[in-house]
Amino acid sequence: MTTRLDDLGPLPDDITVHLDAGHDSDKTRALLDERGLHGRIAHKGEKAPIQASWRWHVERTQAWQNAFCRIALCYERRATVVDAFLDLADTIITVRSLIRQAWTTHRWDGRPNRRP
């Protein structure tokens, strides 16, 4: 069985996987060892070292994408359809962000009184 990660090709030899406390388990450590990867896993109750100052961009994007129930509960098998749903969600997320940014940086006649 092939996965979409197989398309990435060979991984570098010295990869360190940074995981938050949600992955703090023996099962995760066993999977990392099985794949020959080094892991830095935060202990439960502590922030991950990489998260101490800012949140991961990928984690934040996935949280935004999970707001779209059609993606979170996707039973589609065709990769092109899943990619289309993700692209549509990313487009909506980007447009919302641009609207919020424009709201604070631009003024125009007839602008509504409330923020979007």
C-alpha atoms as a PDB file:
ATOM      1  CA  MET A   1       0.000   0.000   0.000  1.00  0.00           C
ATOM      2  CA  THR A   2       1.437   3.355  -0.985  1.00  0.00           C
ATOM      3  CA  THR A   3       0.775   6.585   0.827  1.00  0.00           C
ATOM      4  CA  ARG A   4       0.948  10.156  -0.338  1.00  0.00           C
ATOM      5  CA  LEU A   5       4.118  10.565   1.718  1.00  0.00           C
ATOM      6  CA  ASP A   6       5.895   8.131  -0.606  1.00  0.00           C
ATOM      7  CA  ASP A   7       5.906  10.887  -3.242  1.00  0.00           C
ATOM      8  CA  LEU A   8       8.326  12.901  -1.098  1.00  0.00           C
ATOM      9  CA  GLY A   9      11.208  10.606  -1.894  1.00  0.00           C
ATOM     10  CA  PRO A  10      13.991   9.669   0.502  1.00  0.00           C
ATOM     11  CA  LEU A  11      14.226  11.630   3.733  1.00  0.00           C
ATOM     12  CA  PRO A  12      17.466  13.140   5.065  1.00  0.00           C
ATOM     13  CA  ASP A  13      19.408  11.007   7.536  1.00  0.00           C
ATOM     14  CA  ASP A  14      19.365  13.477  10.413  1.00  0.00           C
ATOM     15  CA  ILE A  15      15.670  14.357  10.815  1.00  0.00           C
ATOM     16  CA  THR A  16      14.394  15.472  14.198  1.00  0.00           C
ATOM     17  CA  VAL A  17      10.629  15.355  14.617  1.00  0.00           C
ATOM     18  CA  HIS A  18       9.278  17.983  17.044  1.00  0.00           C
ATOM     19  CA  LEU A  19       5.999  16.911  18.635  1.00  0.00           C
ATOM     20  CA  ASP A  20       3.763  18.492  21.237  1.00  0.00           C
ATOM     21  CA  ALA A  21       2.510  16.858  24.428  1.00  0.00           C
ATOM     22  CA  GLY A  22      -0.441  15.259  22.625  1.00  0.00           C
ATOM     23  CA  HIS A  23       2.037  12.746  21.156  1.00  0.00           C
ATOM     24  CA  ASP A  24       3.762  11.939  24.452  1.00  0.00           C
ATOM     25  CA  SER A  25       3.351   8.144  24.470  1.00  0.00           C
ATOM     26  CA  ASP A  26       5.378   4.967  24.177  1.00  0.00           C
ATOM     27  CA  LYS A  27       3.534   4.123  20.956  1.00  0.00           C
ATOM     28  CA  THR A  28       4.766   7.341  19.307  1.00  0.00           C
ATOM     29  CA  ARG A  29       8.329   6.745  20.478  1.00  0.00           C
ATOM     30  CA  ALA A  30       8.177   3.166  19.132  1.00  0.00           C
ATOM     31  CA  LEU A  31       6.943   4.420  15.737  1.00  0.00           C
ATOM     32  CA  LEU A  32       9.740   6.993  15.571  1.00  0.00           C
ATOM     33  CA  ASP A  33      12.332   4.334  16.416  1.00  0.00           C
ATOM     34  CA  GLU A  34      10.808   1.962  13.866  1.00  0.00           C
ATOM     35  CA  ARG A  35      11.214   4.591  11.152  1.00  0.00           C
ATOM     36  CA  GLY A  36      14.690   5.591  12.295  1.00  0.00           C
ATOM     37  CA  LEU A  37      13.705   9.148  13.265  1.00  0.00           C
ATOM     38  CA  HIS A  38      14.859  11.216  16.223  1.00  0.00           C
ATOM     39  CA  GLY A  39      12.050  12.815  18.191  1.00  0.00           C
ATOM     40  CA  ARG A  40      11.785  15.711  20.606  1.00  0.00           C
ATOM     41  CA  ILE A  41       8.464  15.252  22.373  1.00  0.00           C
ATOM     42  CA  ALA A  42       7.213  17.670  25.006  1.00  0.00           C
ATOM     43  CA  HIS A  43       6.041  16.070  28.216  1.00  0.00           C
ATOM     44  CA  LYS A  44       2.407  16.390  29.211  1.00  0.00           C
ATOM     45  CA  GLY A  45       1.807  19.654  31.037  1.00  0.00           C
ATOM     46  CA  GLU A  46       4.684  21.414  29.249  1.00  0.00           C
ATOM     47  CA  LYS A  47       4.830  23.296  25.970  1.00  0.00           C
ATOM     48  CA  ALA A  48       6.911  21.869  23.174  1.00  0.00           C
ATOM     49  CA  PRO A  49      10.316  23.607  22.940  1.00  0.00           C
ATOM     50  CA  ILE A  50       9.519  24.921  19.478  1.00  0.00           C
ATOM     51  CA  GLN A  51       6.105  26.176  20.660  1.00  0.00           C
ATOM     52  CA  ALA A  52       7.395  28.100  23.640  1.00  0.00           C
ATOM     53  CA  SER A  53       7.432  31.390  21.718  1.00  0.00           C
ATOM     54  CA  TRP A  54       5.096  30.904  18.738  1.00  0.00           C
ATOM     55  CA  ARG A  55       2.609  28.405  17.377  1.00  0.00           C
ATOM     56  CA  TRP A  56       3.455  26.169  14.444  1.00  0.00           C
ATOM     57  CA  HIS A  57       2.119  27.422  11.111  1.00  0.00           C
ATOM     58  CA  VAL A  58       1.077  23.929  10.053  1.00  0.00           C
ATOM     59  CA  GLU A  59      -0.796  23.301  13.293  1.00  0.00           C
ATOM     60  CA  ARG A  60      -2.638  26.610  12.986  1.00  0.00           C
ATOM     61  CA  THR A  61      -3.559  25.932   9.353  1.00  0.00           C
ATOM     62  CA  GLN A  62      -4.888  22.488  10.214  1.00  0.00           C
ATOM     63  CA  ALA A  63      -6.977  23.987  13.008  1.00  0.00           C
ATOM     64  CA  TRP A  64      -8.473  26.467  10.535  1.00  0.00           C
ATOM     65  CA  GLN A  65      -9.122  23.694   8.020  1.00  0.00           C
ATOM     66  CA  ASN A  66     -10.862  21.586  10.666  1.00  0.00           C
ATOM     67  CA  ALA A  67     -13.482  24.333  10.957  1.00  0.00           C
ATOM     68  CA  PHE A  68     -14.735  23.081   7.589  1.00  0.00           C
ATOM     69  CA  CYS A  69     -16.721  19.960   8.531  1.00  0.00           C
ATOM     70  CA  ARG A  70     -16.611  18.592   4.978  1.00  0.00           C
ATOM     71  CA  ILE A  71     -12.839  18.286   5.274  1.00  0.00           C
ATOM     72  CA  ALA A  72     -12.764  17.038   8.857  1.00  0.00           C
ATOM     73  CA  LEU A  73     -15.241  14.255   7.997  1.00  0.00           C
ATOM     74  CA  CYS A  74     -13.999  13.470   4.492  1.00  0.00           C
ATOM     75  CA  TYR A  75     -14.747   9.957   3.276  1.00  0.00           C
ATOM     76  CA  GLU A  76     -13.624  10.633  -0.272  1.00  0.00           C
ATOM     77  CA  ARG A  77     -11.072   8.218  -1.713  1.00  0.00           C
ATOM     78  CA  ARG A  78      -9.994  10.189  -4.758  1.00  0.00           C
ATOM     79  CA  ALA A  79      -6.977  12.314  -3.960  1.00  0.00           C
ATOM     80  CA  THR A  80      -7.949  14.975  -6.501  1.00  0.00           C
ATOM     81  CA  VAL A  81     -11.280  15.570  -4.740  1.00  0.00           C
ATOM     82  CA  VAL A  82      -9.611  15.784  -1.314  1.00  0.00           C
ATOM     83  CA  ASP A  83      -7.053  18.215  -2.758  1.00  0.00           C
ATOM     84  CA  ALA A  84      -9.890  20.296  -4.232  1.00  0.00           C
ATOM     85  CA  PHE A  85     -11.614  20.517  -0.839  1.00  0.00           C
ATOM     86  CA  LEU A  86      -8.342  21.529   0.833  1.00  0.00           C
ATOM     87  CA  ASP A  87      -7.609  24.117  -1.861  1.00  0.00           C
ATOM     88  CA  LEU A  88     -11.103  25.586  -1.509  1.00  0.00           C
ATOM     89  CA  ALA A  89     -10.764  25.768   2.285  1.00  0.00           C
ATOM     90  CA  ASP A  90      -7.328  27.382   1.986  1.00  0.00           C
ATOM     91  CA  THR A  91      -8.740  29.934  -0.455  1.00  0.00           C
ATOM     92  CA  ILE A  92     -11.571  30.828   1.916  1.00  0.00           C
ATOM     93  CA  ILE A  93      -9.119  31.090   4.840  1.00  0.00           C
ATOM     94  CA  THR A  94      -6.839  33.378   2.809  1.00  0.00           C
ATOM     95  CA  VAL A  95      -9.674  35.631   1.617  1.00  0.00           C
ATOM     96  CA  ARG A  96     -11.010  35.940   5.185  1.00  0.00           C
ATOM     97  CA  SER A  97      -7.540  36.909   6.377  1.00  0.00           C
ATOM     98  CA  LEU A  98      -7.167  39.521   3.627  1.00  0.00           C
ATOM     99  CA  ILE A  99     -10.582  41.008   4.461  1.00  0.00           C
ATOM    100  CA  ARG A 100      -9.668  41.269   8.149  1.00  0.00           C
ATOM    101  CA  GLN A 101      -6.340  42.869   7.289  1.00  0.00           C
ATOM    102  CA  ALA A 102      -7.936  45.325   4.844  1.00  0.00           C
ATOM    103  CA  TRP A 103     -10.515  46.267   7.476  1.00  0.00           C
ATOM    104  CA  THR A 104      -7.814  47.642   9.758  1.00  0.00           C
ATOM    105  CA  THR A 105      -5.551  49.178   7.099  1.00  0.00           C
ATOM    106  CA  HIS A 106      -8.016  50.728   4.620  1.00  0.00           C
ATOM    107  CA  ARG A 107     -10.920  53.145   4.922  1.00  0.00           C
ATOM    108  CA  TRP A 108     -13.661  53.681   2.354  1.00  0.00           C
ATOM    109  CA  ASP A 109     -17.002  55.430   2.038  1.00  0.00           C
ATOM    110  CA  GLY A 110     -19.957  53.296   2.977  1.00  0.00           C
ATOM    111  CA  ARG A 111     -17.879  50.965   5.151  1.00  0.00           C
ATOM    112  CA  PRO A 112     -20.087  49.043   7.621  1.00  0.00           C
ATOM    113  CA  ASN A 113     -19.737  49.946  11.297  1.00  0.00           C
ATOM    114  CA  ARG A 114     -18.942  46.442  12.473  1.00  0.00           C
ATOM    115  CA  ARG A 115     -15.865  44.341  11.789  1.00  0.00           C
ATOM    116  CA  PRO A 116     -16.257  41.172   9.725  1.00  0.00           C
END
